[in-house]
C-alpha atoms as a PDB file:
ATOM      1  CA  UNK A   1     280.596  18.117  -7.255  1.00  0.00           C
ATOM      2  CA  UNK A   2     283.473  17.118  -4.943  1.00  0.00           C
ATOM      3  CA  UNK A   3     286.798  16.019  -6.433  1.00  0.00           C
ATOM      4  CA  UNK A   4     289.312  14.209  -4.235  1.00  0.00           C
ATOM      5  CA  UNK A   5     292.884  15.281  -5.104  1.00  0.00           C
ATOM      6  CA  UNK A   6     296.070  13.451  -4.169  1.00  0.00           C
ATOM      7  CA  UNK A   7     299.087  15.461  -3.016  1.00  0.00           C
ATOM      8  CA  UNK A   8     302.807  15.502  -3.629  1.00  0.00           C
ATOM      9  CA  UNK A   9     305.185  14.940  -0.704  1.00  0.00           C
ATOM     10  CA  UNK A  10     307.740  17.700  -0.084  1.00  0.00           C
ATOM     11  CA  UNK A  11     310.487  17.480   2.542  1.00  0.00           C
ATOM     12  CA  UNK A  12     311.943  20.818   3.716  1.00  0.00           C
ATOM     13  CA  UNK A  13     315.237  19.743   5.262  1.00  0.00           C
ATOM     14  CA  UNK A  14     316.301  23.006   6.927  1.00  0.00           C
ATOM     15  CA  UNK A  15     312.895  23.323   8.642  1.00  0.00           C
ATOM     16  CA  UNK A  16     312.598  19.583   9.388  1.00  0.00           C
ATOM     17  CA  UNK A  17     309.155  19.624   7.772  1.00  0.00           C
ATOM     18  CA  UNK A  18     307.439  16.930   5.767  1.00  0.00           C
ATOM     19  CA  UNK A  19     304.680  18.583   3.754  1.00  0.00           C
ATOM     20  CA  UNK A  20     301.762  17.488   1.618  1.00  0.00           C
ATOM     21  CA  UNK A  21     301.514  20.086  -1.139  1.00  0.00           C
ATOM     22  CA  UNK A  22     299.891  20.947  -4.438  1.00  0.00           C
ATOM     23  CA  UNK A  23     300.179  23.561  -7.164  1.00  0.00           C
ATOM     24  CA  UNK A  24     297.662  26.362  -6.520  1.00  0.00           C
ATOM     25  CA  UNK A  25     296.961  26.423 -10.255  1.00  0.00           C
ATOM     26  CA  UNK A  26     295.493  22.924 -10.047  1.00  0.00           C
ATOM     27  CA  UNK A  27     293.173  23.983  -7.222  1.00  0.00           C
ATOM     28  CA  UNK A  28     292.123  26.984  -9.319  1.00  0.00           C
ATOM     29  CA  UNK A  29     291.497  24.769 -12.353  1.00  0.00           C
ATOM     30  CA  UNK A  30     289.233  22.414 -10.416  1.00  0.00           C
ATOM     31  CA  UNK A  31     287.259  25.356  -9.048  1.00  0.00           C
ATOM     32  CA  UNK A  32     286.970  26.858 -12.536  1.00  0.00           C
ATOM     33  CA  UNK A  33     285.309  23.708 -13.860  1.00  0.00           C
ATOM     34  CA  UNK A  34     282.675  24.039 -11.132  1.00  0.00           C
ATOM     35  CA  UNK A  35     283.994  21.461  -8.663  1.00  0.00           C
ATOM     36  CA  UNK A  36     285.026  21.593  -5.016  1.00  0.00           C
ATOM     37  CA  UNK A  37     288.626  20.363  -4.488  1.00  0.00           C
ATOM     38  CA  UNK A  38     289.085  18.045  -1.494  1.00  0.00           C
ATOM     39  CA  UNK A  39     292.746  17.435  -0.568  1.00  0.00           C
ATOM     40  CA  UNK A  40     293.572  14.039   0.917  1.00  0.00           C
ATOM     41  CA  UNK A  41     296.624  13.649   3.235  1.00  0.00           C
ATOM     42  CA  UNK A  42     299.243  11.051   2.335  1.00  0.00           C
ATOM     43  CA  UNK A  43     299.182   9.742   5.913  1.00  0.00           C
ATOM     44  CA  UNK A  44     296.003   7.913   4.965  1.00  0.00           C
ATOM     45  CA  UNK A  45     298.272   5.611   2.943  1.00  0.00           C
ATOM     46  CA  UNK A  46     299.648   4.078   6.135  1.00  0.00           C
ATOM     47  CA  UNK A  47     298.098   0.685   6.928  1.00  0.00           C
ATOM     48  CA  UNK A  48     297.354   1.790  10.504  1.00  0.00           C
ATOM     49  CA  UNK A  49     295.136   4.581   9.123  1.00  0.00           C
ATOM     50  CA  UNK A  50     292.889   2.360   7.000  1.00  0.00           C
ATOM     51  CA  UNK A  51     289.870   2.972   9.237  1.00  0.00           C
ATOM     52  CA  UNK A  52     290.499   6.738   9.244  1.00  0.00           C
ATOM     53  CA  UNK A  53     290.674   6.702   5.439  1.00  0.00           C
ATOM     54  CA  UNK A  54     287.344   4.865   5.197  1.00  0.00           C
ATOM     55  CA  UNK A  55     285.743   7.349   7.582  1.00  0.00           C
ATOM     56  CA  UNK A  56     287.179  10.273   5.621  1.00  0.00           C
ATOM     57  CA  UNK A  57     285.734   8.985   2.338  1.00  0.00           C
ATOM     58  CA  UNK A  58     282.338   8.350   3.959  1.00  0.00           C
ATOM     59  CA  UNK A  59     282.320  11.878   5.371  1.00  0.00           C
ATOM     60  CA  UNK A  60     283.451  13.628   2.171  1.00  0.00           C
ATOM     61  CA  UNK A  61     281.391  11.534  -0.302  1.00  0.00           C
ATOM     62  CA  UNK A  62     283.627  12.394  -3.294  1.00  0.00           C
ATOM     63  CA  UNK A  63     282.211  12.349  -6.831  1.00  0.00           C
ATOM     64  CA  UNK A  64     285.560  11.850  -8.539  1.00  0.00           C
ATOM     65  CA  UNK A  65     289.303  11.372  -8.072  1.00  0.00           C
ATOM     66  CA  UNK A  66     292.147  13.452  -9.503  1.00  0.00           C
ATOM     67  CA  UNK A  67     295.634  11.955  -9.185  1.00  0.00           C
ATOM     68  CA  UNK A  68     297.985  14.933  -9.347  1.00  0.00           C
ATOM     69  CA  UNK A  69     301.548  15.160 -10.667  1.00  0.00           C
ATOM     70  CA  UNK A  70     304.832  15.662  -8.875  1.00  0.00           C
ATOM     71  CA  UNK A  71     307.414  13.101  -7.648  1.00  0.00           C
ATOM     72  CA  UNK A  72     308.431   9.870  -9.287  1.00  0.00           C
ATOM     73  CA  UNK A  73     306.739   6.638  -8.268  1.00  0.00           C
ATOM     74  CA  UNK A  74     308.377   4.653  -5.440  1.00  0.00           C
ATOM     75  CA  UNK A  75     309.646   7.844  -3.796  1.00  0.00           C
ATOM     76  CA  UNK A  76     306.968   7.916  -1.088  1.00  0.00           C
ATOM     77  CA  UNK A  77     305.347   4.679   0.064  1.00  0.00           C
ATOM     78  CA  UNK A  78     302.426   6.404   1.786  1.00  0.00           C
ATOM     79  CA  UNK A  79     301.440   8.292  -1.367  1.00  0.00           C
ATOM     80  CA  UNK A  80     301.851   5.214  -3.583  1.00  0.00           C
ATOM     81  CA  UNK A  81     299.765   3.088  -1.196  1.00  0.00           C
ATOM     82  CA  UNK A  82     297.074   5.725  -0.840  1.00  0.00           C
ATOM     83  CA  UNK A  83     296.700   6.291  -4.572  1.00  0.00           C
ATOM     84  CA  UNK A  84     296.553   2.541  -5.247  1.00  0.00           C
ATOM     85  CA  UNK A  85     293.798   2.168  -2.628  1.00  0.00           C
ATOM     86  CA  UNK A  86     291.876   5.107  -4.098  1.00  0.00           C
ATOM     87  CA  UNK A  87     292.154   3.790  -7.661  1.00  0.00           C
ATOM     88  CA  UNK A  88     290.730   0.442  -6.550  1.00  0.00           C
ATOM     89  CA  UNK A  89     287.924   2.097  -4.571  1.00  0.00           C
ATOM     90  CA  UNK A  90     286.829   4.478  -7.339  1.00  0.00           C
ATOM     91  CA  UNK A  91     286.940   1.737  -9.966  1.00  0.00           C
ATOM     92  CA  UNK A  92     284.667  -0.469  -7.831  1.00  0.00           C
ATOM     93  CA  UNK A  93     282.287   2.438  -7.271  1.00  0.00           C
ATOM     94  CA  UNK A  94     282.301   3.324 -11.002  1.00  0.00           C
ATOM     95  CA  UNK A  95     283.297   6.890 -10.177  1.00  0.00           C
ATOM     96  CA  UNK A  96     285.567   8.941 -12.461  1.00  0.00           C
ATOM     97  CA  UNK A  97     289.353   8.815 -12.084  1.00  0.00           C
ATOM     98  CA  UNK A  98     291.651  11.254 -13.856  1.00  0.00           C
ATOM     99  CA  UNK A  99     295.456  11.178 -13.724  1.00  0.00           C
ATOM    100  CA  UNK A 100     297.939  13.959 -14.484  1.00  0.00           C
ATOM    101  CA  UNK A 101     301.548  13.003 -15.324  1.00  0.00           C
ATOM    102  CA  UNK A 102     302.528  10.885 -12.295  1.00  0.00           C
ATOM    103  CA  UNK A 103     298.821  10.080 -11.987  1.00  0.00           C
ATOM    104  CA  UNK A 104     298.897   8.517 -15.456  1.00  0.00           C
ATOM    105  CA  UNK A 105     301.941   6.489 -14.469  1.00  0.00           C
ATOM    106  CA  UNK A 106     300.338   4.976 -11.380  1.00  0.00           C
ATOM    107  CA  UNK A 107     297.068   4.271 -13.213  1.00  0.00           C
ATOM    108  CA  UNK A 108     299.076   2.493 -15.931  1.00  0.00           C
ATOM    109  CA  UNK A 109     300.922   0.372 -13.374  1.00  0.00           C
ATOM    110  CA  UNK A 110     297.573  -0.681 -11.908  1.00  0.00           C
ATOM    111  CA  UNK A 111     296.655  -1.979 -15.365  1.00  0.00           C
ATOM    112  CA  UNK A 112     299.831  -3.981 -16.047  1.00  0.00           C
ATOM    113  CA  UNK A 113     301.987  -1.439 -17.805  1.00  0.00           C
ATOM    114  CA  UNK A 114     305.473  -0.413 -16.726  1.00  0.00           C
ATOM    115  CA  UNK A 115     307.699   2.647 -16.957  1.00  0.00           C
ATOM    116  CA  UNK A 116     310.814   3.337 -18.986  1.00  0.00           C
ATOM    117  CA  UNK A 117     313.219   6.271 -19.200  1.00  0.00           C
ATOM    118  CA  UNK A 118     311.905   8.785 -21.711  1.00  0.00           C
ATOM    119  CA  UNK A 119     313.978  10.064 -24.624  1.00  0.00           C
ATOM    120  CA  UNK A 120     312.166  13.394 -24.468  1.00  0.00           C
ATOM    121  CA  UNK A 121     313.832  16.440 -22.949  1.00  0.00           C
ATOM    122  CA  UNK A 122     312.312  17.961 -19.811  1.00  0.00           C
ATOM    123  CA  UNK A 123     310.749  21.412 -20.360  1.00  0.00           C
ATOM    124  CA  UNK A 124     310.978  21.119 -24.127  1.00  0.00           C
ATOM    125  CA  UNK A 125     307.751  21.590 -26.082  1.00  0.00           C
ATOM    126  CA  UNK A 126     306.469  18.764 -28.266  1.00  0.00           C
ATOM    127  CA  UNK A 127     303.727  18.405 -30.841  1.00  0.00           C
ATOM    128  CA  UNK A 128     301.094  16.026 -29.505  1.00  0.00           C
ATOM    129  CA  UNK A 129     298.425  14.427 -31.659  1.00  0.00           C
ATOM    130  CA  UNK A 130     294.955  13.433 -30.522  1.00  0.00           C
ATOM    131  CA  UNK A 131     293.838   9.968 -31.630  1.00  0.00           C
ATOM    132  CA  UNK A 132     290.187  10.987 -31.559  1.00  0.00           C
ATOM    133  CA  UNK A 133     289.897  14.205 -33.575  1.00  0.00           C
ATOM    134  CA  UNK A 134     293.381  14.148 -35.192  1.00  0.00           C
ATOM    135  CA  UNK A 135     294.161  17.653 -33.917  1.00  0.00           C
ATOM    136  CA  UNK A 136     297.650  18.719 -32.812  1.00  0.00           C
ATOM    137  CA  UNK A 137     298.670  20.469 -29.591  1.00  0.00           C
ATOM    138  CA  UNK A 138     301.922  21.848 -28.175  1.00  0.00           C
ATOM    139  CA  UNK A 139     302.857  20.793 -24.646  1.00  0.00           C
ATOM    140  CA  UNK A 140     305.957  20.796 -22.464  1.00  0.00           C
ATOM    141  CA  UNK A 141     307.454  17.568 -21.186  1.00  0.00           C
ATOM    142  CA  UNK A 142     307.691  17.577 -17.384  1.00  0.00           C
ATOM    143  CA  UNK A 143     308.566  13.904 -16.930  1.00  0.00           C
ATOM    144  CA  UNK A 144     311.662  11.703 -17.004  1.00  0.00           C
ATOM    145  CA  UNK A 145     309.725   8.435 -17.174  1.00  0.00           C
ATOM    146  CA  UNK A 146     307.053   7.355 -19.648  1.00  0.00           C
ATOM    147  CA  UNK A 147     304.793   4.309 -19.844  1.00  0.00           C
ATOM    148  CA  UNK A 148     306.279   1.460 -21.887  1.00  0.00           C
ATOM    149  CA  UNK A 149     302.985   0.371 -23.474  1.00  0.00           C
ATOM    150  CA  UNK A 150     299.292   1.147 -23.452  1.00  0.00           C
ATOM    151  CA  UNK A 151     297.845  -0.468 -20.304  1.00  0.00           C
ATOM    152  CA  UNK A 152     295.318  -3.285 -20.459  1.00  0.00           C
ATOM    153  CA  UNK A 153     291.773  -2.245 -21.539  1.00  0.00           C
ATOM    154  CA  UNK A 154     292.877   1.297 -22.455  1.00  0.00           C
ATOM    155  CA  UNK A 155     293.112   3.143 -25.747  1.00  0.00           C
ATOM    156  CA  UNK A 156     295.811   5.686 -26.522  1.00  0.00           C
ATOM    157  CA  UNK A 157     294.292   9.166 -26.725  1.00  0.00           C
ATOM    158  CA  UNK A 158     297.400  11.361 -27.150  1.00  0.00           C
ATOM    159  CA  UNK A 159     300.865  10.595 -28.521  1.00  0.00           C
ATOM    160  CA  UNK A 160     303.964  12.071 -30.126  1.00  0.00           C
ATOM    161  CA  UNK A 161     305.613  10.928 -33.346  1.00  0.00           C
ATOM    162  CA  UNK A 162     308.449   9.165 -31.527  1.00  0.00           C
ATOM    163  CA  UNK A 163     305.873   6.805 -29.988  1.00  0.00           C
ATOM    164  CA  UNK A 164     305.627   8.375 -26.530  1.00  0.00           C
ATOM    165  CA  UNK A 165     302.143   7.908 -25.082  1.00  0.00           C
ATOM    166  CA  UNK A 166     300.782  11.182 -23.669  1.00  0.00           C
ATOM    167  CA  UNK A 167     297.188  10.183 -22.996  1.00  0.00           C
ATOM    168  CA  UNK A 168     295.134   7.064 -22.289  1.00  0.00           C
ATOM    169  CA  UNK A 169     291.428   6.364 -21.911  1.00  0.00           C
ATOM    170  CA  UNK A 170     289.794   3.235 -20.489  1.00  0.00           C
ATOM    171  CA  UNK A 171     287.533   1.352 -22.891  1.00  0.00           C
ATOM    172  CA  UNK A 172     284.784   0.653 -20.365  1.00  0.00           C
ATOM    173  CA  UNK A 173     285.486   2.562 -17.129  1.00  0.00           C
ATOM    174  CA  UNK A 174     285.423   6.312 -16.450  1.00  0.00           C
ATOM    175  CA  UNK A 175     289.195   6.439 -16.175  1.00  0.00           C
ATOM    176  CA  UNK A 176     291.499   8.661 -18.191  1.00  0.00           C
ATOM    177  CA  UNK A 177     294.934  10.261 -17.886  1.00  0.00           C
ATOM    178  CA  UNK A 178     297.365  12.677 -19.536  1.00  0.00           C
ATOM    179  CA  UNK A 179     301.101  13.196 -19.192  1.00  0.00           C
ATOM    180  CA  UNK A 180     300.615  16.910 -19.875  1.00  0.00           C
ATOM    181  CA  UNK A 181     299.734  19.412 -17.140  1.00  0.00           C
ATOM    182  CA  UNK A 182     296.485  21.296 -17.887  1.00  0.00           C
ATOM    183  CA  UNK A 183     297.016  23.523 -14.837  1.00  0.00           C
ATOM    184  CA  UNK A 184     300.314  24.813 -16.272  1.00  0.00           C
ATOM    185  CA  UNK A 185     299.240  25.130 -19.890  1.00  0.00           C
ATOM    186  CA  UNK A 186     296.136  25.212 -22.075  1.00  0.00           C
ATOM    187  CA  UNK A 187     294.184  27.893 -20.211  1.00  0.00           C
ATOM    188  CA  UNK A 188     290.649  28.183 -21.598  1.00  0.00           C
ATOM    189  CA  UNK A 189     291.425  25.335 -23.980  1.00  0.00           C
ATOM    190  CA  UNK A 190     289.774  22.134 -25.146  1.00  0.00           C
ATOM    191  CA  UNK A 191     291.648  20.294 -22.406  1.00  0.00           C
ATOM    192  CA  UNK A 192     289.982  22.361 -19.698  1.00  0.00           C
ATOM    193  CA  UNK A 193     286.547  21.845 -21.259  1.00  0.00           C
ATOM    194  CA  UNK A 194     287.278  18.140 -21.593  1.00  0.00           C
ATOM    195  CA  UNK A 195     288.176  17.907 -17.896  1.00  0.00           C
ATOM    196  CA  UNK A 196     284.935  19.647 -16.937  1.00  0.00           C
ATOM    197  CA  UNK A 197     282.855  17.292 -19.077  1.00  0.00           C
ATOM    198  CA  UNK A 198     284.757  14.274 -17.755  1.00  0.00           C
ATOM    199  CA  UNK A 199     283.827  14.914 -14.119  1.00  0.00           C
ATOM    200  CA  UNK A 200     280.356  16.366 -14.662  1.00  0.00           C
ATOM    201  CA  UNK A 201     278.902  13.860 -17.141  1.00  0.00           C
END
């Protein structure tokens, strides 16, 4: 099972480097659920590289897409463009798409939702409730922006009492997302098992 993973863009000013990067814990998580992580460069988001992107996807033959966290939307055009292209492609192919934090934001925007400044405090833990089994979980907030409403054709899967949406699940497509970071928290938890079942089923 091969999972395509998008990357954050990191500029190192003193070295004059522009890097594509990812948390090693996310790579480890994907390997732990029995999948092979395939990292996709943000340069494929440039319009001139459309053919190269198509060839890359044909060569890799990914089984699923993971949209990783890091960076606000509209900070890097190449990453935004690439992720939008990938979302469209995987939806058409009926292949699974999972978004983490920023990944949930860009999925939501593709389905006619928008973002608003969150009232939650960054790095503070919050009690999150599951809409499906009514269980509660503790998770840190790592975001400054939240989705303003549940996107079209999605159900809310996780939320906090103040109304912040922490998880969404498409009604018909294999597309789901969380604002929480399973690679940073919830080791050996239901969330990890859920992620494994999501990509393998």
